[in-house]
Amino acid sequence: MKVLVKVTRNYQVTIPASVRERLGIRIGDLLSVEVDGDRIILRKVVQEIPTIRLGRELTIDDIDRLIEEGLMRNAGGSD
């Protein structure tokens, strides 16, 4: 699929509806921008929301620990 878009004076472009629908891009989604030679590559960032099945109720300490682990994982860090 090839579609032409125009760069506005604020250096913005609109993603055509056909492309948004095909990729499932919604308001608030994140896109990564990569330059490859003379090409600009936009990719939809898939954010995983982890599911936790502990078989018990979460404590405040559990929640704090899981948040910290998620932040470290998203930042590319490790424990």
C-alpha atoms as a PDB file:
ATOM      1  CA  MET A   1       0.000   0.000   0.000  1.00  0.00           C
ATOM      2  CA  LYS A   2       1.453   3.353  -0.999  1.00  0.00           C
ATOM      3  CA  VAL A   3      -0.238   6.637  -0.060  1.00  0.00           C
ATOM      4  CA  LEU A   4       1.037  10.207  -0.436  1.00  0.00           C
ATOM      5  CA  VAL A   5       0.700  12.634   2.457  1.00  0.00           C
ATOM      6  CA  LYS A   6       1.687  16.274   2.703  1.00  0.00           C
ATOM      7  CA  VAL A   7       3.980  17.735   5.359  1.00  0.00           C
ATOM      8  CA  THR A   8       2.362  20.778   7.020  1.00  0.00           C
ATOM      9  CA  ARG A   9       4.224  23.947   7.938  1.00  0.00           C
ATOM     10  CA  ASN A  10       4.542  22.499  11.473  1.00  0.00           C
ATOM     11  CA  TYR A  11       6.236  19.409   9.957  1.00  0.00           C
ATOM     12  CA  GLN A  12       3.253  17.192  10.735  1.00  0.00           C
ATOM     13  CA  VAL A  13       1.670  14.521   8.572  1.00  0.00           C
ATOM     14  CA  THR A  14      -1.746  12.865   8.805  1.00  0.00           C
ATOM     15  CA  ILE A  15      -1.890   9.084   8.743  1.00  0.00           C
ATOM     16  CA  PRO A  16      -4.572   8.201   6.189  1.00  0.00           C
ATOM     17  CA  ALA A  17      -7.678   6.431   7.495  1.00  0.00           C
ATOM     18  CA  SER A  18      -6.994   3.331   5.384  1.00  0.00           C
ATOM     19  CA  VAL A  19      -3.564   2.938   7.011  1.00  0.00           C
ATOM     20  CA  ARG A  20      -4.897   3.620  10.529  1.00  0.00           C
ATOM     21  CA  GLU A  21      -7.630   1.034  10.068  1.00  0.00           C
ATOM     22  CA  ARG A  22      -5.286  -1.573   8.597  1.00  0.00           C
ATOM     23  CA  LEU A  23      -2.837  -1.221  11.510  1.00  0.00           C
ATOM     24  CA  GLY A  24      -5.446  -0.591  14.207  1.00  0.00           C
ATOM     25  CA  ILE A  25      -3.947   2.780  15.160  1.00  0.00           C
ATOM     26  CA  ARG A  26      -6.094   4.659  17.672  1.00  0.00           C
ATOM     27  CA  ILE A  27      -5.899   8.057  19.395  1.00  0.00           C
ATOM     28  CA  GLY A  28      -3.233   7.902  22.093  1.00  0.00           C
ATOM     29  CA  ASP A  29      -1.288   5.022  20.529  1.00  0.00           C
ATOM     30  CA  LEU A  30       2.479   5.352  20.369  1.00  0.00           C
ATOM     31  CA  LEU A  31       4.453   5.122  17.131  1.00  0.00           C
ATOM     32  CA  SER A  32       8.193   4.604  16.893  1.00  0.00           C
ATOM     33  CA  VAL A  33      10.094   6.630  14.286  1.00  0.00           C
ATOM     34  CA  GLU A  34      13.156   5.159  12.595  1.00  0.00           C
ATOM     35  CA  VAL A  35      15.341   6.566   9.824  1.00  0.00           C
ATOM     36  CA  ASP A  36      16.754   4.048   7.353  1.00  0.00           C
ATOM     37  CA  GLY A  37      18.790   5.841   4.684  1.00  0.00           C
ATOM     38  CA  ASP A  38      16.302   8.157   2.994  1.00  0.00           C
ATOM     39  CA  ARG A  39      13.260   6.372   4.460  1.00  0.00           C
ATOM     40  CA  ILE A  40      11.206   7.221   7.540  1.00  0.00           C
ATOM     41  CA  ILE A  41       9.698   4.137   9.141  1.00  0.00           C
ATOM     42  CA  LEU A  42       6.748   4.491  11.524  1.00  0.00           C
ATOM     43  CA  ARG A  43       5.805   1.451  13.590  1.00  0.00           C
ATOM     44  CA  LYS A  44       2.929   1.009  15.983  1.00  0.00           C
ATOM     45  CA  VAL A  45       4.285   0.310  19.453  1.00  0.00           C
ATOM     46  CA  VAL A  46       2.541  -2.657  21.013  1.00  0.00           C
ATOM     47  CA  GLN A  47       2.313  -2.090  24.725  1.00  0.00           C
ATOM     48  CA  GLU A  48       1.770  -5.265  26.646  1.00  0.00           C
ATOM     49  CA  ILE A  49      -0.380  -5.083  29.721  1.00  0.00           C
ATOM     50  CA  PRO A  50       0.653  -8.041  31.833  1.00  0.00           C
ATOM     51  CA  THR A  51      -1.990 -10.290  33.310  1.00  0.00           C
ATOM     52  CA  ILE A  52      -1.337 -11.414  36.849  1.00  0.00           C
ATOM     53  CA  ARG A  53      -2.929 -14.582  38.150  1.00  0.00           C
ATOM     54  CA  LEU A  54      -1.805 -15.169  41.682  1.00  0.00           C
ATOM     55  CA  GLY A  55      -4.842 -16.991  43.019  1.00  0.00           C
ATOM     56  CA  ARG A  56      -4.960 -14.450  45.832  1.00  0.00           C
ATOM     57  CA  GLU A  57      -5.584 -10.756  46.405  1.00  0.00           C
ATOM     58  CA  LEU A  58      -2.764  -8.334  45.693  1.00  0.00           C
ATOM     59  CA  THR A  59      -1.232  -6.363  48.522  1.00  0.00           C
ATOM     60  CA  ILE A  60       0.063  -2.795  48.209  1.00  0.00           C
ATOM     61  CA  ASP A  61       3.608  -4.227  48.341  1.00  0.00           C
ATOM     62  CA  ASP A  62       2.777  -6.609  45.461  1.00  0.00           C
ATOM     63  CA  ILE A  63       1.458  -3.706  43.383  1.00  0.00           C
ATOM     64  CA  ASP A  64       4.495  -1.517  44.125  1.00  0.00           C
ATOM     65  CA  ARG A  65       6.878  -4.347  43.208  1.00  0.00           C
ATOM     66  CA  LEU A  66       5.020  -5.106  39.961  1.00  0.00           C
ATOM     67  CA  ILE A  67       5.016  -1.431  38.968  1.00  0.00           C
ATOM     68  CA  GLU A  68       8.759  -1.204  39.593  1.00  0.00           C
ATOM     69  CA  GLU A  69       9.385  -4.394  37.572  1.00  0.00           C
ATOM     70  CA  GLY A  70       7.289  -3.034  34.691  1.00  0.00           C
ATOM     71  CA  LEU A  71       9.127   0.284  34.715  1.00  0.00           C
ATOM     72  CA  MET A  72      12.485  -1.485  34.679  1.00  0.00           C
ATOM     73  CA  ARG A  73      11.381  -3.788  31.840  1.00  0.00           C
ATOM     74  CA  ASN A  74      10.107  -0.835  29.750  1.00  0.00           C
ATOM     75  CA  ALA A  75      13.296   1.139  30.411  1.00  0.00           C
ATOM     76  CA  GLY A  76      15.418  -1.824  29.304  1.00  0.00           C
ATOM     77  CA  GLY A  77      16.922  -2.263  32.758  1.00  0.00           C
ATOM     78  CA  SER A  78      17.304  -5.382  34.804  1.00  0.00           C
ATOM     79  CA  ASP A  79      17.267  -6.338  38.464  1.00  0.00           C
END
